[in-house]
Amino acid sequence: MANITVRDLPDQTKENLRVKAAQSGVSLEAYVRLILQTASASDRLVQFNVVELADKYFGGQNGVELELPSRATKRQEIVFE
């Protein structure tokens, strides 16, 4: 059987999975294995919408409104002769 490593998993995610595994009466490893088996057997593809992800992490409540400074001077016109 194959092994995989999941890096940068938030501690809270691991804790949530551990609690759900305990409530189901199985080990964390068995619980995660079942999740992966179920997800891989599904025909449904998980698609990420970049715009929605950007809005989730950078827009609305998480965003920052910046004021653009007004332009004080215009650039000199270029004259072609």
N, C-alpha and C. Protein backbone atom coordinates (compact mmCIF):
# COMPACT_ATOMS: atom_id res chain seq x y z
N MET A 1 0.83 -1.18 0.00
CA MET A 1 0.00 0.00 0.00
C MET A 1 0.88 1.25 0.00
N ALA A 2 0.34 2.31 -0.55
CA ALA A 2 1.08 3.57 -0.66
C ALA A 2 0.94 4.41 0.60
N ASN A 3 1.89 5.29 0.78
CA ASN A 3 1.86 6.26 1.88
C ASN A 3 1.92 7.66 1.30
N ILE A 4 1.26 8.60 1.95
CA ILE A 4 1.36 9.99 1.55
C ILE A 4 1.61 10.83 2.80
N THR A 5 2.18 12.00 2.59
CA THR A 5 2.42 12.95 3.67
C THR A 5 1.71 14.24 3.32
N VAL A 6 0.98 14.77 4.27
CA VAL A 6 0.29 16.05 4.06
C VAL A 6 1.03 17.10 4.88
N ARG A 7 1.63 18.04 4.18
CA ARG A 7 2.38 19.09 4.85
C ARG A 7 1.51 20.32 5.08
N ASP A 8 1.90 21.09 6.06
CA ASP A 8 1.25 22.38 6.37
C ASP A 8 -0.24 22.24 6.69
N LEU A 9 -0.63 21.14 7.29
CA LEU A 9 -2.01 20.96 7.72
C LEU A 9 -2.19 21.76 9.02
N PRO A 10 -3.15 22.67 9.05
CA PRO A 10 -3.35 23.45 10.27
C PRO A 10 -3.63 22.54 11.48
N ASP A 11 -3.10 22.93 12.63
CA ASP A 11 -3.30 22.14 13.84
C ASP A 11 -4.79 21.95 14.15
N GLN A 12 -5.58 22.98 13.91
CA GLN A 12 -7.02 22.88 14.20
C GLN A 12 -7.69 21.86 13.30
N THR A 13 -7.26 21.75 12.05
CA THR A 13 -7.82 20.76 11.14
C THR A 13 -7.52 19.36 11.64
N LYS A 14 -6.29 19.13 12.05
CA LYS A 14 -5.92 17.82 12.59
C LYS A 14 -6.74 17.51 13.84
N GLU A 15 -6.90 18.49 14.70
CA GLU A 15 -7.67 18.28 15.93
C GLU A 15 -9.13 17.97 15.61
N ASN A 16 -9.72 18.68 14.65
CA ASN A 16 -11.10 18.41 14.24
C ASN A 16 -11.25 16.99 13.72
N LEU A 17 -10.29 16.56 12.90
CA LEU A 17 -10.33 15.19 12.37
C LEU A 17 -10.16 14.17 13.49
N ARG A 18 -9.27 14.46 14.43
CA ARG A 18 -9.04 13.54 15.55
C ARG A 18 -10.31 13.36 16.38
N VAL A 19 -11.01 14.46 16.65
CA VAL A 19 -12.25 14.41 17.42
C VAL A 19 -13.31 13.61 16.67
N LYS A 20 -13.46 13.87 15.38
CA LYS A 20 -14.46 13.14 14.58
C LYS A 20 -14.13 11.66 14.50
N ALA A 21 -12.85 11.35 14.41
CA ALA A 21 -12.43 9.94 14.38
C ALA A 21 -12.79 9.27 15.70
N ALA A 22 -12.52 9.95 16.81
CA ALA A 22 -12.85 9.39 18.12
C ALA A 22 -14.35 9.19 18.28
N GLN A 23 -15.14 10.15 17.79
CA GLN A 23 -16.59 10.03 17.87
C GLN A 23 -17.09 8.86 17.02
N SER A 24 -16.35 8.55 15.95
CA SER A 24 -16.72 7.43 15.07
C SER A 24 -16.16 6.11 15.58
N GLY A 25 -15.31 6.17 16.59
CA GLY A 25 -14.76 4.96 17.17
C GLY A 25 -13.62 4.35 16.36
N VAL A 26 -12.93 5.18 15.58
CA VAL A 26 -11.80 4.68 14.79
C VAL A 26 -10.60 5.59 15.02
N SER A 27 -9.45 5.13 14.57
CA SER A 27 -8.24 5.94 14.70
C SER A 27 -8.27 7.10 13.71
N LEU A 28 -7.44 8.08 13.98
CA LEU A 28 -7.32 9.22 13.07
C LEU A 28 -6.90 8.73 11.68
N GLU A 29 -5.95 7.83 11.63
CA GLU A 29 -5.47 7.30 10.35
C GLU A 29 -6.58 6.60 9.59
N ALA A 30 -7.37 5.78 10.28
CA ALA A 30 -8.47 5.07 9.63
C ALA A 30 -9.54 6.05 9.14
N TYR A 31 -9.79 7.08 9.92
CA TYR A 31 -10.80 8.07 9.55
C TYR A 31 -10.37 8.84 8.30
N VAL A 32 -9.12 9.28 8.27
CA VAL A 32 -8.61 10.01 7.10
C VAL A 32 -8.57 9.10 5.89
N ARG A 33 -8.20 7.84 6.08
CA ARG A 33 -8.18 6.87 4.98
C ARG A 33 -9.58 6.73 4.38
N LEU A 34 -10.60 6.66 5.23
CA LEU A 34 -11.98 6.54 4.75
C LEU A 34 -12.39 7.79 3.97
N ILE A 35 -12.01 8.96 4.46
CA ILE A 35 -12.32 10.21 3.75
C ILE A 35 -11.69 10.19 2.36
N LEU A 36 -10.42 9.81 2.28
CA LEU A 36 -9.72 9.79 0.99
C LEU A 36 -10.30 8.74 0.05
N GLN A 37 -10.66 7.58 0.58
CA GLN A 37 -11.25 6.54 -0.26
C GLN A 37 -12.60 7.00 -0.81
N THR A 38 -13.40 7.62 0.04
CA THR A 38 -14.71 8.11 -0.39
C THR A 38 -14.57 9.20 -1.44
N ALA A 39 -13.67 10.14 -1.21
CA ALA A 39 -13.47 11.25 -2.15
C ALA A 39 -12.93 10.75 -3.48
N SER A 40 -12.02 9.79 -3.45
CA SER A 40 -11.42 9.31 -4.70
C SER A 40 -12.38 8.44 -5.50
N ALA A 41 -13.37 7.86 -4.85
CA ALA A 41 -14.34 7.02 -5.56
C ALA A 41 -15.45 7.84 -6.21
N SER A 42 -15.57 9.09 -5.82
CA SER A 42 -16.61 9.96 -6.35
C SER A 42 -16.25 10.46 -7.75
N ASP A 43 -17.25 10.62 -8.59
CA ASP A 43 -17.04 11.18 -9.92
C ASP A 43 -16.99 12.71 -9.88
N ARG A 44 -17.39 13.28 -8.78
CA ARG A 44 -17.44 14.74 -8.65
C ARG A 44 -16.03 15.29 -8.52
N LEU A 45 -15.72 16.27 -9.35
CA LEU A 45 -14.42 16.93 -9.29
C LEU A 45 -14.51 18.17 -8.43
N VAL A 46 -13.49 18.40 -7.66
CA VAL A 46 -13.42 19.63 -6.87
C VAL A 46 -12.73 20.67 -7.73
N GLN A 47 -13.44 21.75 -8.01
CA GLN A 47 -12.88 22.81 -8.83
C GLN A 47 -12.77 24.08 -8.00
N PHE A 48 -11.66 24.75 -8.16
CA PHE A 48 -11.43 25.97 -7.41
C PHE A 48 -11.66 27.16 -8.32
N ASN A 49 -12.43 28.10 -7.84
CA ASN A 49 -12.68 29.33 -8.56
C ASN A 49 -11.73 30.38 -7.98
N VAL A 50 -10.78 30.81 -8.77
CA VAL A 50 -9.75 31.74 -8.30
C VAL A 50 -10.37 33.04 -7.80
N VAL A 51 -11.39 33.51 -8.46
CA VAL A 51 -12.02 34.77 -8.05
C VAL A 51 -12.67 34.62 -6.68
N GLU A 52 -13.37 33.50 -6.47
CA GLU A 52 -14.01 33.26 -5.17
C GLU A 52 -12.97 33.10 -4.07
N LEU A 53 -11.88 32.40 -4.37
CA LEU A 53 -10.81 32.23 -3.37
C LEU A 53 -10.17 33.57 -3.02
N ALA A 54 -9.91 34.38 -4.04
CA ALA A 54 -9.32 35.70 -3.79
C ALA A 54 -10.26 36.56 -2.95
N ASP A 55 -11.55 36.52 -3.26
CA ASP A 55 -12.52 37.29 -2.50
C ASP A 55 -12.59 36.79 -1.06
N LYS A 56 -12.53 35.48 -0.89
CA LYS A 56 -12.60 34.89 0.45
C LYS A 56 -11.43 35.34 1.32
N TYR A 57 -10.23 35.34 0.76
CA TYR A 57 -9.05 35.64 1.55
C TYR A 57 -8.61 37.10 1.52
N PHE A 58 -8.97 37.83 0.47
CA PHE A 58 -8.46 39.19 0.34
C PHE A 58 -9.56 40.25 0.24
N GLY A 59 -10.79 39.87 0.04
CA GLY A 59 -11.85 40.83 -0.16
C GLY A 59 -12.70 41.02 1.08
N GLY A 60 -13.67 41.89 0.98
CA GLY A 60 -14.63 42.09 2.05
C GLY A 60 -13.99 42.39 3.39
N GLN A 61 -14.27 41.54 4.37
CA GLN A 61 -13.78 41.74 5.73
C GLN A 61 -12.27 41.59 5.83
N ASN A 62 -11.69 40.80 4.96
CA ASN A 62 -10.25 40.54 5.04
C ASN A 62 -9.43 41.51 4.21
N GLY A 63 -10.09 42.33 3.42
CA GLY A 63 -9.38 43.21 2.51
C GLY A 63 -8.94 44.50 3.16
N VAL A 64 -8.24 45.26 2.41
CA VAL A 64 -7.76 46.56 2.85
C VAL A 64 -8.11 47.58 1.78
N GLU A 65 -8.70 48.67 2.19
CA GLU A 65 -9.03 49.73 1.25
C GLU A 65 -7.89 50.74 1.24
N LEU A 66 -7.32 50.96 0.10
CA LEU A 66 -6.23 51.92 -0.04
C LEU A 66 -6.72 53.11 -0.83
N GLU A 67 -6.36 54.29 -0.37
CA GLU A 67 -6.72 55.50 -1.10
C GLU A 67 -5.60 55.82 -2.08
N LEU A 68 -5.97 56.03 -3.32
CA LEU A 68 -4.98 56.40 -4.32
C LEU A 68 -4.73 57.89 -4.24
N PRO A 69 -3.48 58.29 -4.18
CA PRO A 69 -3.19 59.73 -4.13
C PRO A 69 -3.52 60.37 -5.48
N SER A 70 -3.99 61.60 -5.41
CA SER A 70 -4.27 62.29 -6.67
C SER A 70 -2.96 62.70 -7.32
N ARG A 71 -2.98 62.75 -8.63
CA ARG A 71 -1.78 63.16 -9.35
C ARG A 71 -1.64 64.67 -9.30
N ALA A 72 -0.50 65.11 -8.84
CA ALA A 72 -0.28 66.55 -8.69
C ALA A 72 0.18 67.19 -9.99
N THR A 73 0.97 66.47 -10.75
CA THR A 73 1.50 67.04 -11.99
C THR A 73 1.28 66.07 -13.13
N LYS A 74 1.18 66.67 -14.29
CA LYS A 74 1.07 65.85 -15.49
C LYS A 74 2.46 65.63 -16.05
N ARG A 75 2.61 64.56 -16.76
CA ARG A 75 3.88 64.34 -17.45
C ARG A 75 3.98 65.32 -18.62
N GLN A 76 5.20 65.63 -18.98
CA GLN A 76 5.40 66.52 -20.13
C GLN A 76 5.00 65.79 -21.40
N GLU A 77 4.41 66.55 -22.28
CA GLU A 77 4.02 65.98 -23.55
C GLU A 77 5.26 65.71 -24.39
N ILE A 78 5.23 64.62 -25.13
CA ILE A 78 6.33 64.29 -26.02
C ILE A 78 5.98 64.81 -27.41
N VAL A 79 6.89 65.56 -27.98
CA VAL A 79 6.66 66.13 -29.31
C VAL A 79 7.53 65.38 -30.30
N PHE A 80 6.89 64.79 -31.30
CA PHE A 80 7.62 64.10 -32.36
C PHE A 80 7.74 65.04 -33.55
N GLU A 81 8.95 65.22 -34.06
CA GLU A 81 9.14 66.13 -35.19
C GLU A 81 9.68 65.38 -36.37
